Amino acid sequence: MVPKHFIFLKTFPFLKSGKIDVNALPLPTVTKKSLDDMDRPKTEIEQTLLSLWKDILKLDDLSVNDNFFLLGVTL
């Protein structure tokens, strides 16, 4: 699996135990992007799902390649 986004940090936040403090890590930011033909829904099912996601997440700029679960984190 290849991550869709990378966040580069100069240092990691650590707990006193020496483990990485995952709660202190920054959340990924959602940026607006222009949709090309690869990102547009091609089937009726894709159109329906994209419409549902837009309503649930209250976002206008979504594509079929966006991750529903990652987008929900930023709300």
C-alpha atoms as a PDB file:
ATOM      1  CA  MET A   1       0.000   0.000   0.000  1.00  0.00           C
ATOM      2  CA  VAL A   2       1.205   3.467  -0.866  1.00  0.00           C
ATOM      3  CA  PRO A   3      -0.021   6.435   1.215  1.00  0.00           C
ATOM      4  CA  LYS A   4      -1.992   9.045  -0.679  1.00  0.00           C
ATOM      5  CA  HIS A   5      -0.551  11.931   1.350  1.00  0.00           C
ATOM      6  CA  PHE A   6       2.673  12.530   3.220  1.00  0.00           C
ATOM      7  CA  ILE A   7       3.174  14.939   6.111  1.00  0.00           C
ATOM      8  CA  PHE A   8       6.814  15.831   6.710  1.00  0.00           C
ATOM      9  CA  LEU A   9       7.830  16.653  10.273  1.00  0.00           C
ATOM     10  CA  LYS A  10      11.155  17.971  11.549  1.00  0.00           C
ATOM     11  CA  THR A  11      10.709  16.024  14.786  1.00  0.00           C
ATOM     12  CA  PHE A  12       8.217  13.562  16.181  1.00  0.00           C
ATOM     13  CA  PRO A  13       6.399  14.197  19.448  1.00  0.00           C
ATOM     14  CA  PHE A  14       7.394  11.592  22.044  1.00  0.00           C
ATOM     15  CA  LEU A  15       5.867  10.415  25.284  1.00  0.00           C
ATOM     16  CA  LYS A  16       7.952  10.031  28.434  1.00  0.00           C
ATOM     17  CA  SER A  17       8.106   6.309  27.676  1.00  0.00           C
ATOM     18  CA  GLY A  18       9.941   7.036  24.408  1.00  0.00           C
ATOM     19  CA  LYS A  19       7.019   6.065  22.158  1.00  0.00           C
ATOM     20  CA  ILE A  20       5.622   8.421  19.516  1.00  0.00           C
ATOM     21  CA  ASP A  21       2.682  10.461  20.833  1.00  0.00           C
ATOM     22  CA  VAL A  22       0.151   9.779  18.077  1.00  0.00           C
ATOM     23  CA  ASN A  23      -2.369  12.164  19.670  1.00  0.00           C
ATOM     24  CA  ALA A  24       0.063  15.062  19.203  1.00  0.00           C
ATOM     25  CA  LEU A  25       0.643  14.384  15.490  1.00  0.00           C
ATOM     26  CA  PRO A  26      -0.913  16.953  13.111  1.00  0.00           C
ATOM     27  CA  LEU A  27      -4.006  15.967  11.173  1.00  0.00           C
ATOM     28  CA  PRO A  28      -3.815  15.962   7.378  1.00  0.00           C
ATOM     29  CA  THR A  29      -5.383  18.999   5.763  1.00  0.00           C
ATOM     30  CA  VAL A  30      -7.865  18.766   2.930  1.00  0.00           C
ATOM     31  CA  THR A  31      -6.960  21.001   0.034  1.00  0.00           C
ATOM     32  CA  LYS A  32      -9.182  21.962  -2.848  1.00  0.00           C
ATOM     33  CA  LYS A  33      -8.114  20.601  -6.170  1.00  0.00           C
ATOM     34  CA  SER A  34      -9.369  20.776  -9.698  1.00  0.00           C
ATOM     35  CA  LEU A  35     -11.171  17.690 -10.917  1.00  0.00           C
ATOM     36  CA  ASP A  36      -9.911  16.076 -14.051  1.00  0.00           C
ATOM     37  CA  ASP A  37     -11.716  13.371 -16.012  1.00  0.00           C
ATOM     38  CA  MET A  38     -10.166  10.597 -13.884  1.00  0.00           C
ATOM     39  CA  ASP A  39     -11.778  12.017 -10.711  1.00  0.00           C
ATOM     40  CA  ARG A  40     -15.322  12.402 -12.009  1.00  0.00           C
ATOM     41  CA  PRO A  41     -17.967   9.726 -11.389  1.00  0.00           C
ATOM     42  CA  LYS A  42     -18.411   7.425 -14.365  1.00  0.00           C
ATOM     43  CA  THR A  43     -21.266   5.176 -13.263  1.00  0.00           C
ATOM     44  CA  GLU A  44     -24.637   5.789 -11.657  1.00  0.00           C
ATOM     45  CA  ILE A  45     -23.429   4.119  -8.446  1.00  0.00           C
ATOM     46  CA  GLU A  46     -20.383   6.405  -8.278  1.00  0.00           C
ATOM     47  CA  GLN A  47     -22.639   9.437  -8.816  1.00  0.00           C
ATOM     48  CA  THR A  48     -25.004   8.316  -6.038  1.00  0.00           C
ATOM     49  CA  LEU A  49     -22.204   7.610  -3.570  1.00  0.00           C
ATOM     50  CA  LEU A  50     -20.472  10.896  -4.317  1.00  0.00           C
ATOM     51  CA  SER A  51     -23.724  12.767  -3.788  1.00  0.00           C
ATOM     52  CA  LEU A  52     -24.244  11.018  -0.432  1.00  0.00           C
ATOM     53  CA  TRP A  53     -20.695  11.808   0.697  1.00  0.00           C
ATOM     54  CA  LYS A  54     -21.113  15.467  -0.256  1.00  0.00           C
ATOM     55  CA  ASP A  55     -24.319  15.667   1.814  1.00  0.00           C
ATOM     56  CA  ILE A  56     -22.873  13.859   4.841  1.00  0.00           C
ATOM     57  CA  LEU A  57     -19.539  15.696   4.906  1.00  0.00           C
ATOM     58  CA  LYS A  58     -20.988  19.039   3.752  1.00  0.00           C
ATOM     59  CA  LEU A  59     -18.227  19.423   1.159  1.00  0.00           C
ATOM     60  CA  ASP A  60     -18.585  20.512  -2.461  1.00  0.00           C
ATOM     61  CA  ASP A  61     -15.230  19.513  -3.942  1.00  0.00           C
ATOM     62  CA  LEU A  62     -15.086  15.736  -3.804  1.00  0.00           C
ATOM     63  CA  SER A  63     -13.912  13.198  -6.317  1.00  0.00           C
ATOM     64  CA  VAL A  64     -14.269   9.449  -6.657  1.00  0.00           C
ATOM     65  CA  ASN A  65     -10.668   9.085  -5.459  1.00  0.00           C
ATOM     66  CA  ASP A  66     -11.191  10.887  -2.129  1.00  0.00           C
ATOM     67  CA  ASN A  67     -11.129   8.820   1.050  1.00  0.00           C
ATOM     68  CA  PHE A  68     -14.440   9.085   2.914  1.00  0.00           C
ATOM     69  CA  PHE A  69     -12.872   8.170   6.265  1.00  0.00           C
ATOM     70  CA  LEU A  70      -9.940  10.594   6.006  1.00  0.00           C
ATOM     71  CA  LEU A  71     -12.236  13.442   4.989  1.00  0.00           C
ATOM     72  CA  GLY A  72     -14.470  12.761   7.998  1.00  0.00           C
ATOM     73  CA  VAL A  73     -11.525  13.243  10.347  1.00  0.00           C
ATOM     74  CA  THR A  74     -11.186  16.920   9.418  1.00  0.00           C
ATOM     75  CA  LEU A  75     -14.773  17.876  10.221  1.00  0.00           C
END
